[in-house]
Amino acid sequence: AAWRFPVEIDVASSSAKLENGVLTLSLGKKVPVSNISQL
């Protein structure tokens, strides 16, 4: 199975557990980081 989400997934804040034949995924959203530097 595969899913595509509107934002990137943050692996560090994601988890998965398997209970009674059901896989539950909690997928953290990656917060976009601004790359603007001030001059």
PDB file of all heavy atoms in Angstrom:
ATOM      1  N   ALA A   1       0.849  -1.186   0.000  1.00  0.00           N
ATOM      2  CA  ALA A   1       0.000   0.000   0.000  1.00  0.00           C
ATOM      3  C   ALA A   1       0.884   1.234   0.000  1.00  0.00           C
ATOM      4  O   ALA A   1       2.012   1.204   0.487  1.00  0.00           O
ATOM      5  CB  ALA A   1      -0.906  -0.002   1.230  1.00  0.00           C
ATOM      6  N   ALA A   2       0.373   2.321  -0.580  1.00  0.00           N
ATOM      7  CA  ALA A   2       1.128   3.572  -0.601  1.00  0.00           C
ATOM      8  C   ALA A   2       0.167   4.744  -0.506  1.00  0.00           C
ATOM      9  O   ALA A   2      -0.972   4.672  -0.989  1.00  0.00           O
ATOM     10  CB  ALA A   2       1.959   3.672  -1.871  1.00  0.00           C
ATOM     11  N   TRP A   3       0.616   5.783   0.150  1.00  0.00           N
ATOM     12  CA  TRP A   3      -0.168   7.005   0.285  1.00  0.00           C
ATOM     13  C   TRP A   3       0.725   8.199  -0.007  1.00  0.00           C
ATOM     14  O   TRP A   3       1.901   8.195   0.332  1.00  0.00           O
ATOM     15  CB  TRP A   3      -0.713   7.168   1.717  1.00  0.00           C
ATOM     16  CG  TRP A   3      -1.633   6.088   2.146  1.00  0.00           C
ATOM     17  CD1 TRP A   3      -2.998   6.084   2.055  1.00  0.00           C
ATOM     18  CD2 TRP A   3      -1.296   4.845   2.768  1.00  0.00           C
ATOM     19  NE1 TRP A   3      -3.502   4.917   2.573  1.00  0.00           N
ATOM     20  CE2 TRP A   3      -2.474   4.135   3.018  1.00  0.00           C
ATOM     21  CE3 TRP A   3      -0.074   4.255   3.127  1.00  0.00           C
ATOM     22  CZ2 TRP A   3      -2.494   2.888   3.617  1.00  0.00           C
ATOM     23  CZ3 TRP A   3      -0.086   3.013   3.717  1.00  0.00           C
ATOM     24  CH2 TRP A   3      -1.290   2.337   3.951  1.00  0.00           C
ATOM     25  N   ARG A   4       0.132   9.229  -0.613  1.00  0.00           N
ATOM     26  CA  ARG A   4       0.852  10.495  -0.814  1.00  0.00           C
ATOM     27  C   ARG A   4       0.119  11.570  -0.019  1.00  0.00           C
ATOM     28  O   ARG A   4      -1.099  11.652  -0.062  1.00  0.00           O
ATOM     29  CB  ARG A   4       0.899  10.854  -2.293  1.00  0.00           C
ATOM     30  CG  ARG A   4       1.444  12.259  -2.535  1.00  0.00           C
ATOM     31  CD  ARG A   4       1.877  12.464  -3.953  1.00  0.00           C
ATOM     32  NE  ARG A   4       3.301  12.184  -4.052  1.00  0.00           N
ATOM     33  CZ  ARG A   4       3.895  11.749  -5.155  1.00  0.00           C
ATOM     34  NH1 ARG A   4       3.191  11.523  -6.226  1.00  0.00           N
ATOM     35  NH2 ARG A   4       5.188  11.532  -5.169  1.00  0.00           N
ATOM     36  N   PHE A   5       0.883  12.376   0.710  1.00  0.00           N
ATOM     37  CA  PHE A   5       0.312  13.413   1.558  1.00  0.00           C
ATOM     38  C   PHE A   5       0.650  14.798   1.011  1.00  0.00           C
ATOM     39  O   PHE A   5       1.609  14.951   0.253  1.00  0.00           O
ATOM     40  CB  PHE A   5       0.838  13.254   2.994  1.00  0.00           C
ATOM     41  CG  PHE A   5       0.345  11.991   3.647  1.00  0.00           C
ATOM     42  CD1 PHE A   5       1.101  10.829   3.585  1.00  0.00           C
ATOM     43  CD2 PHE A   5      -0.879  11.951   4.290  1.00  0.00           C
ATOM     44  CE1 PHE A   5       0.639   9.653   4.170  1.00  0.00           C
ATOM     45  CE2 PHE A   5      -1.344  10.782   4.866  1.00  0.00           C
ATOM     46  CZ  PHE A   5      -0.587   9.634   4.811  1.00  0.00           C
ATOM     47  N   PRO A   6      -0.123  15.818   1.415  1.00  0.00           N
ATOM     48  CA  PRO A   6       0.124  17.178   0.904  1.00  0.00           C
ATOM     49  C   PRO A   6       1.451  17.777   1.382  1.00  0.00           C
ATOM     50  O   PRO A   6       1.960  18.682   0.746  1.00  0.00           O
ATOM     51  CB  PRO A   6      -1.048  17.993   1.465  1.00  0.00           C
ATOM     52  CG  PRO A   6      -2.057  17.000   1.930  1.00  0.00           C
ATOM     53  CD  PRO A   6      -1.329  15.731   2.225  1.00  0.00           C
ATOM     54  N   VAL A   7       1.965  17.304   2.502  1.00  0.00           N
ATOM     55  CA  VAL A   7       3.248  17.820   2.989  1.00  0.00           C
ATOM     56  C   VAL A   7       4.183  16.647   3.266  1.00  0.00           C
ATOM     57  O   VAL A   7       3.745  15.510   3.399  1.00  0.00           O
ATOM     58  CB  VAL A   7       3.100  18.670   4.279  1.00  0.00           C
ATOM     59  CG1 VAL A   7       2.244  19.897   4.040  1.00  0.00           C
ATOM     60  CG2 VAL A   7       2.557  17.846   5.426  1.00  0.00           C
ATOM     61  N   GLU A   8       5.495  16.940   3.369  1.00  0.00           N
ATOM     62  CA  GLU A   8       6.464  15.893   3.657  1.00  0.00           C
ATOM     63  C   GLU A   8       6.249  15.342   5.063  1.00  0.00           C
ATOM     64  O   GLU A   8       5.775  16.035   5.956  1.00  0.00           O
ATOM     65  CB  GLU A   8       7.894  16.433   3.522  1.00  0.00           C
ATOM     66  CG  GLU A   8       8.313  16.599   2.087  1.00  0.00           C
ATOM     67  CD  GLU A   8       9.818  16.789   1.937  1.00  0.00           C
ATOM     68  OE1 GLU A   8      10.568  16.443   2.873  1.00  0.00           O
ATOM     69  OE2 GLU A   8      10.228  17.288   0.885  1.00  0.00           O
ATOM     70  N   ILE A   9       6.625  14.081   5.236  1.00  0.00           N
ATOM     71  CA  ILE A   9       6.477  13.405   6.521  1.00  0.00           C
ATOM     72  C   ILE A   9       7.781  13.529   7.302  1.00  0.00           C
ATOM     73  O   ILE A   9       8.859  13.294   6.769  1.00  0.00           O
ATOM     74  CB  ILE A   9       6.115  11.919   6.308  1.00  0.00           C
ATOM     75  CG1 ILE A   9       4.810  11.789   5.511  1.00  0.00           C
ATOM     76  CG2 ILE A   9       6.010  11.200   7.653  1.00  0.00           C
ATOM     77  CD1 ILE A   9       3.605  12.476   6.105  1.00  0.00           C
ATOM     78  N   ASP A  10       7.653  13.888   8.571  1.00  0.00           N
ATOM     79  CA  ASP A  10       8.809  13.993   9.461  1.00  0.00           C
ATOM     80  C   ASP A  10       8.980  12.653  10.178  1.00  0.00           C
ATOM     81  O   ASP A  10       8.200  12.309  11.061  1.00  0.00           O
ATOM     82  CB  ASP A  10       8.578  15.130  10.464  1.00  0.00           C
ATOM     83  CG  ASP A  10       9.755  15.291  11.417  1.00  0.00           C
ATOM     84  OD1 ASP A  10      10.884  14.931  11.037  1.00  0.00           O
ATOM     85  OD2 ASP A  10       9.538  15.783  12.540  1.00  0.00           O
ATOM     86  N   VAL A  11       9.997  11.901   9.762  1.00  0.00           N
ATOM     87  CA  VAL A  11      10.199  10.557  10.303  1.00  0.00           C
ATOM     88  C   VAL A  11      10.454  10.600  11.811  1.00  0.00           C
ATOM     89  O   VAL A  11       9.963   9.755  12.558  1.00  0.00           O
ATOM     90  CB  VAL A  11      11.373   9.848   9.581  1.00  0.00           C
ATOM     91  CG1 VAL A  11      11.587   8.453  10.147  1.00  0.00           C
ATOM     92  CG2 VAL A  11      11.097   9.773   8.091  1.00  0.00           C
ATOM     93  N   ALA A  12      11.190  11.622  12.270  1.00  0.00           N
ATOM     94  CA  ALA A  12      11.548  11.714  13.688  1.00  0.00           C
ATOM     95  C   ALA A  12      10.322  11.808  14.600  1.00  0.00           C
ATOM     96  O   ALA A  12      10.338  11.320  15.722  1.00  0.00           O
ATOM     97  CB  ALA A  12      12.469  12.910  13.921  1.00  0.00           C
ATOM     98  N   SER A  13       9.234  12.418  14.101  1.00  0.00           N
ATOM     99  CA  SER A  13       8.044  12.565  14.939  1.00  0.00           C
ATOM    100  C   SER A  13       6.930  11.608  14.519  1.00  0.00           C
ATOM    101  O   SER A  13       5.764  11.822  14.822  1.00  0.00           O
ATOM    102  CB  SER A  13       7.551  14.012  14.913  1.00  0.00           C
ATOM    103  OG  SER A  13       7.134  14.360  13.610  1.00  0.00           O
ATOM    104  N   SER A  14       7.302  10.539  13.819  1.00  0.00           N
ATOM    105  CA  SER A  14       6.321   9.551  13.375  1.00  0.00           C
ATOM    106  C   SER A  14       6.489   8.250  14.154  1.00  0.00           C
ATOM    107  O   SER A  14       7.564   7.976  14.679  1.00  0.00           O
ATOM    108  CB  SER A  14       6.493   9.259  11.874  1.00  0.00           C
ATOM    109  OG  SER A  14       6.254  10.424  11.119  1.00  0.00           O
ATOM    110  N   SER A  15       5.410   7.471  14.227  1.00  0.00           N
ATOM    111  CA  SER A  15       5.486   6.187  14.910  1.00  0.00           C
ATOM    112  C   SER A  15       4.517   5.203  14.267  1.00  0.00           C
ATOM    113  O   SER A  15       3.597   5.586  13.554  1.00  0.00           O
ATOM    114  CB  SER A  15       5.153   6.353  16.402  1.00  0.00           C
ATOM    115  OG  SER A  15       3.809   6.786  16.548  1.00  0.00           O
ATOM    116  N   ALA A  16       4.769   3.928  14.539  1.00  0.00           N
ATOM    117  CA  ALA A  16       3.909   2.871  14.011  1.00  0.00           C
ATOM    118  C   ALA A  16       3.724   1.817  15.080  1.00  0.00           C
ATOM    119  O   ALA A  16       4.651   1.509  15.823  1.00  0.00           O
ATOM    120  CB  ALA A  16       4.544   2.247  12.770  1.00  0.00           C
ATOM    121  N   LYS A  17       2.502   1.280  15.191  1.00  0.00           N
ATOM    122  CA  LYS A  17       2.294   0.166  16.108  1.00  0.00           C
ATOM    123  C   LYS A  17       1.336  -0.835  15.488  1.00  0.00           C
ATOM    124  O   LYS A  17       0.489  -0.490  14.668  1.00  0.00           O
ATOM    125  CB  LYS A  17       1.830   0.640  17.480  1.00  0.00           C
ATOM    126  CG  LYS A  17       0.452   1.230  17.536  1.00  0.00           C
ATOM    127  CD  LYS A  17       0.094   1.635  18.966  1.00  0.00           C
ATOM    128  CE  LYS A  17      -1.365   2.057  19.015  1.00  0.00           C
ATOM    129  NZ  LYS A  17      -1.758   2.738  20.208  1.00  0.00           N
ATOM    130  N   LEU A  18       1.532  -2.086  15.875  1.00  0.00           N
ATOM    131  CA  LEU A  18       0.728  -3.181  15.338  1.00  0.00           C
ATOM    132  C   LEU A  18       0.015  -3.856  16.494  1.00  0.00           C
ATOM    133  O   LEU A  18       0.658  -4.356  17.414  1.00  0.00           O
ATOM    134  CB  LEU A  18       1.633  -4.176  14.593  1.00  0.00           C
ATOM    135  CG  LEU A  18       0.965  -5.390  13.952  1.00  0.00           C
ATOM    136  CD1 LEU A  18      -0.036  -4.977  12.884  1.00  0.00           C
ATOM    137  CD2 LEU A  18       2.015  -6.301  13.340  1.00  0.00           C
ATOM    138  N   GLU A  19      -1.318  -3.809  16.476  1.00  0.00           N
ATOM    139  CA  GLU A  19      -2.118  -4.425  17.534  1.00  0.00           C
ATOM    140  C   GLU A  19      -3.315  -5.142  16.925  1.00  0.00           C
ATOM    141  O   GLU A  19      -4.052  -4.541  16.141  1.00  0.00           O
ATOM    142  CB  GLU A  19      -2.638  -3.340  18.497  1.00  0.00           C
ATOM    143  CG  GLU A  19      -1.675  -2.956  19.599  1.00  0.00           C
ATOM    144  CD  GLU A  19      -2.287  -1.903  20.522  1.00  0.00           C
ATOM    145  OE1 GLU A  19      -3.138  -1.112  20.087  1.00  0.00           O
ATOM    146  OE2 GLU A  19      -1.896  -1.895  21.695  1.00  0.00           O
ATOM    147  N   ASN A  20      -3.487  -6.391  17.287  1.00  0.00           N
ATOM    148  CA  ASN A  20      -4.640  -7.173  16.846  1.00  0.00           C
ATOM    149  C   ASN A  20      -4.850  -7.136  15.333  1.00  0.00           C
ATOM    150  O   ASN A  20      -5.966  -7.002  14.852  1.00  0.00           O
ATOM    151  CB  ASN A  20      -5.914  -6.695  17.552  1.00  0.00           C
ATOM    152  CG  ASN A  20      -5.771  -6.735  19.058  1.00  0.00           C
ATOM    153  OD1 ASN A  20      -5.174  -7.654  19.615  1.00  0.00           O
ATOM    154  ND2 ASN A  20      -6.298  -5.735  19.736  1.00  0.00           N
ATOM    155  N   GLY A  21      -3.748  -7.229  14.579  1.00  0.00           N
ATOM    156  CA  GLY A  21      -3.858  -7.264  13.122  1.00  0.00           C
ATOM    157  C   GLY A  21      -4.097  -5.924  12.471  1.00  0.00           C
ATOM    158  O   GLY A  21      -4.381  -5.858  11.277  1.00  0.00           O
ATOM    159  N   VAL A  22      -3.993  -4.827  13.233  1.00  0.00           N
ATOM    160  CA  VAL A  22      -4.186  -3.492  12.667  1.00  0.00           C
ATOM    161  C   VAL A  22      -2.914  -2.677  12.854  1.00  0.00           C
ATOM    162  O   VAL A  22      -2.432  -2.507  13.969  1.00  0.00           O
ATOM    163  CB  VAL A  22      -5.382  -2.759  13.320  1.00  0.00           C
ATOM    164  CG1 VAL A  22      -5.540  -1.364  12.720  1.00  0.00           C
ATOM    165  CG2 VAL A  22      -6.666  -3.555  13.151  1.00  0.00           C
ATOM    166  N   LEU A  23      -2.361  -2.207  11.742  1.00  0.00           N
ATOM    167  CA  LEU A  23      -1.183  -1.352  11.779  1.00  0.00           C
ATOM    168  C   LEU A  23      -1.663   0.094  11.844  1.00  0.00           C
ATOM    169  O   LEU A  23      -2.437   0.538  10.993  1.00  0.00           O
ATOM    170  CB  LEU A  23      -0.343  -1.571  10.515  1.00  0.00           C
ATOM    171  CG  LEU A  23       0.924  -0.724  10.385  1.00  0.00           C
ATOM    172  CD1 LEU A  23       1.946  -1.114  11.455  1.00  0.00           C
ATOM    173  CD2 LEU A  23       1.518  -0.866   9.000  1.00  0.00           C
ATOM    174  N   THR A  24      -1.237   0.819  12.870  1.00  0.00           N
ATOM    175  CA  THR A  24      -1.611   2.218  13.035  1.00  0.00           C
ATOM    176  C   THR A  24      -0.370   3.089  12.884  1.00  0.00           C
ATOM    177  O   THR A  24       0.616   2.896  13.596  1.00  0.00           O
ATOM    178  CB  THR A  24      -2.250   2.464  14.416  1.00  0.00           C
ATOM    179  OG1 THR A  24      -3.386   1.603  14.560  1.00  0.00           O
ATOM    180  CG2 THR A  24      -2.699   3.910  14.563  1.00  0.00           C
ATOM    181  N   LEU A  25      -0.431   4.008  11.945  1.00  0.00           N
ATOM    182  CA  LEU A  25       0.685   4.925  11.714  1.00  0.00           C
ATOM    183  C   LEU A  25       0.297   6.324  12.167  1.00  0.00           C
ATOM    184  O   LEU A  25      -0.782   6.812  11.840  1.00  0.00           O
ATOM    185  CB  LEU A  25       1.045   4.973  10.226  1.00  0.00           C
ATOM    186  CG  LEU A  25       1.477   3.683   9.554  1.00  0.00           C
ATOM    187  CD1 LEU A  25       1.757   3.919   8.084  1.00  0.00           C
ATOM    188  CD2 LEU A  25       2.684   3.093  10.232  1.00  0.00           C
ATOM    189  N   SER A  26       1.187   6.936  12.932  1.00  0.00           N
ATOM    190  CA  SER A  26       1.042   8.339  13.286  1.00  0.00           C
ATOM    191  C   SER A  26       2.195   9.057  12.596  1.00  0.00           C
ATOM    192  O   SER A  26       3.362   8.826  12.920  1.00  0.00           O
ATOM    193  CB  SER A  26       1.120   8.515  14.803  1.00  0.00           C
ATOM    194  OG  SER A  26       1.071   9.896  15.118  1.00  0.00           O
ATOM    195  N   LEU A  27       1.864   9.872  11.611  1.00  0.00           N
ATOM    196  CA  LEU A  27       2.870  10.456  10.736  1.00  0.00           C
ATOM    197  C   LEU A  27       2.984  11.954  10.975  1.00  0.00           C
ATOM    198  O   LEU A  27       2.050  12.713  10.720  1.00  0.00           O
ATOM    199  CB  LEU A  27       2.495  10.197   9.268  1.00  0.00           C
ATOM    200  CG  LEU A  27       2.307   8.714   8.917  1.00  0.00           C
ATOM    201  CD1 LEU A  27       1.591   8.567   7.581  1.00  0.00           C
ATOM    202  CD2 LEU A  27       3.641   7.997   8.902  1.00  0.00           C
ATOM    203  N   GLY A  28       4.131  12.367  11.506  1.00  0.00           N
ATOM    204  CA  GLY A  28       4.346  13.782  11.784  1.00  0.00           C
ATOM    205  C   GLY A  28       4.510  14.580  10.506  1.00  0.00           C
ATOM    206  O   GLY A  28       5.126  14.123   9.549  1.00  0.00           O
ATOM    207  N   LYS A  29       3.941  15.784  10.505  1.00  0.00           N
ATOM    208  CA  LYS A  29       4.092  16.672   9.346  1.00  0.00           C
ATOM    209  C   LYS A  29       5.383  17.459   9.484  1.00  0.00           C
ATOM    210  O   LYS A  29       5.683  17.996  10.550  1.00  0.00           O
ATOM    211  CB  LYS A  29       2.927  17.659   9.283  1.00  0.00           C
ATOM    212  CG  LYS A  29       1.578  17.007   9.059  1.00  0.00           C
ATOM    213  CD  LYS A  29       0.483  18.054   9.023  1.00  0.00           C
ATOM    214  CE  LYS A  29      -0.889  17.433   8.871  1.00  0.00           C
ATOM    215  NZ  LYS A  29      -1.963  18.425   8.884  1.00  0.00           N
ATOM    216  N   LYS A  30       6.149  17.500   8.407  1.00  0.00           N
ATOM    217  CA  LYS A  30       7.387  18.277   8.420  1.00  0.00           C
ATOM    218  C   LYS A  30       7.027  19.760   8.285  1.00  0.00           C
ATOM    219  O   LYS A  30       6.308  20.143   7.376  1.00  0.00           O
ATOM    220  CB  LYS A  30       8.303  17.833   7.288  1.00  0.00           C
ATOM    221  CG  LYS A  30       9.712  18.387   7.409  1.00  0.00           C
ATOM    222  CD  LYS A  30      10.653  17.713   6.425  1.00  0.00           C
ATOM    223  CE  LYS A  30      11.364  16.551   7.068  1.00  0.00           C
ATOM    224  NZ  LYS A  30      12.427  15.984   6.229  1.00  0.00           N
ATOM    225  N   VAL A  31       7.523  20.551   9.214  1.00  0.00           N
ATOM    226  CA  VAL A  31       7.243  21.983   9.178  1.00  0.00           C
ATOM    227  C   VAL A  31       8.203  22.637   8.188  1.00  0.00           C
ATOM    228  O   VAL A  31       9.417  22.475   8.304  1.00  0.00           O
ATOM    229  CB  VAL A  31       7.423  22.605  10.588  1.00  0.00           C
ATOM    230  CG1 VAL A  31       7.148  24.092  10.549  1.00  0.00           C
ATOM    231  CG2 VAL A  31       6.524  21.910  11.592  1.00  0.00           C
ATOM    232  N   PRO A  32       7.656  23.348   7.202  1.00  0.00           N
ATOM    233  CA  PRO A  32       8.544  23.981   6.230  1.00  0.00           C
ATOM    234  C   PRO A  32       9.443  25.012   6.915  1.00  0.00           C
ATOM    235  O   PRO A  32       8.988  25.774   7.752  1.00  0.00           O
ATOM    236  CB  PRO A  32       7.597  24.670   5.236  1.00  0.00           C
ATOM    237  CG  PRO A  32       6.217  24.350   5.673  1.00  0.00           C
ATOM    238  CD  PRO A  32       6.260  23.623   6.969  1.00  0.00           C
ATOM    239  N   VAL A  33      10.700  25.003   6.553  1.00  0.00           N
ATOM    240  CA  VAL A  33      11.657  25.929   7.136  1.00  0.00           C
ATOM    241  C   VAL A  33      11.949  27.023   6.115  1.00  0.00           C
ATOM    242  O   VAL A  33      12.198  26.740   4.956  1.00  0.00           O
ATOM    243  CB  VAL A  33      12.965  25.194   7.510  1.00  0.00           C
ATOM    244  CG1 VAL A  33      13.997  26.178   8.048  1.00  0.00           C
ATOM    245  CG2 VAL A  33      12.693  24.100   8.519  1.00  0.00           C
ATOM    246  N   SER A  34      11.890  28.264   6.574  1.00  0.00           N
ATOM    247  CA  SER A  34      12.192  29.378   5.683  1.00  0.00           C
ATOM    248  C   SER A  34      13.688  29.458   5.443  1.00  0.00           C
ATOM    249  O   SER A  34      14.482  29.382   6.377  1.00  0.00           O
ATOM    250  CB  SER A  34      11.689  30.681   6.310  1.00  0.00           C
ATOM    251  OG  SER A  34      12.203  31.764   5.575  1.00  0.00           O
ATOM    252  N   ASN A  35      14.086  29.561   4.192  1.00  0.00           N
ATOM    253  CA  ASN A  35      15.500  29.649   3.847  1.00  0.00           C
ATOM    254  C   ASN A  35      15.935  31.089   3.556  1.00  0.00           C
ATOM    255  O   ASN A  35      16.964  31.318   2.953  1.00  0.00           O
ATOM    256  CB  ASN A  35      15.807  28.768   2.635  1.00  0.00           C
ATOM    257  CG  ASN A  35      15.713  27.297   2.983  1.00  0.00           C
ATOM    258  OD1 ASN A  35      16.054  26.902   4.088  1.00  0.00           O
ATOM    259  ND2 ASN A  35      15.223  26.494   2.062  1.00  0.00           N
ATOM    260  N   ILE A  36      15.116  32.055   3.976  1.00  0.00           N
ATOM    261  CA  ILE A  36      15.443  33.445   3.705  1.00  0.00           C
ATOM    262  C   ILE A  36      16.478  33.935   4.704  1.00  0.00           C
ATOM    263  O   ILE A  36      16.313  33.779   5.917  1.00  0.00           O
ATOM    264  CB  ILE A  36      14.171  34.331   3.769  1.00  0.00           C
ATOM    265  CG1 ILE A  36      13.168  33.876   2.702  1.00  0.00           C
ATOM    266  CG2 ILE A  36      14.524  35.806   3.606  1.00  0.00           C
ATOM    267  CD1 ILE A  36      11.818  34.562   2.795  1.00  0.00           C
ATOM    268  N   SER A  37      17.554  34.489   4.186  1.00  0.00           N
ATOM    269  CA  SER A  37      18.578  35.086   5.049  1.00  0.00           C
ATOM    270  C   SER A  37      18.431  36.603   4.960  1.00  0.00           C
ATOM    271  O   SER A  37      18.107  37.157   3.909  1.00  0.00           O
ATOM    272  CB  SER A  37      19.977  34.689   4.573  1.00  0.00           C
ATOM    273  OG  SER A  37      20.114  33.289   4.626  1.00  0.00           O
ATOM    274  N   GLN A  38      18.695  37.270   6.083  1.00  0.00           N
ATOM    275  CA  GLN A  38      18.638  38.728   6.115  1.00  0.00           C
ATOM    276  C   GLN A  38      20.012  39.304   5.828  1.00  0.00           C
ATOM    277  O   GLN A  38      21.005  38.818   6.337  1.00  0.00           O
ATOM    278  CB  GLN A  38      18.145  39.210   7.487  1.00  0.00           C
ATOM    279  CG  GLN A  38      16.712  38.804   7.794  1.00  0.00           C
ATOM    280  CD  GLN A  38      15.696  39.377   6.830  1.00  0.00           C
ATOM    281  OE1 GLN A  38      15.813  40.524   6.398  1.00  0.00           O
ATOM    282  NE2 GLN A  38      14.700  38.568   6.468  1.00  0.00           N
ATOM    283  N   LEU A  39      20.035  40.292   4.968  1.00  0.00           N
ATOM    284  CA  LEU A  39      21.277  40.970   4.630  1.00  0.00           C
ATOM    285  C   LEU A  39      21.299  42.318   5.335  1.00  0.00           C
ATOM    286  O   LEU A  39      20.355  43.111   5.181  1.00  0.00           O
ATOM    287  CB  LEU A  39      21.388  41.141   3.115  1.00  0.00           C
ATOM    288  CG  LEU A  39      22.659  41.804   2.588  1.00  0.00           C
ATOM    289  CD1 LEU A  39      23.886  40.937   2.940  1.00  0.00           C
ATOM    290  CD2 LEU A  39      22.578  42.022   1.091  1.00  0.00           C
TER     291      LEU A  39
END
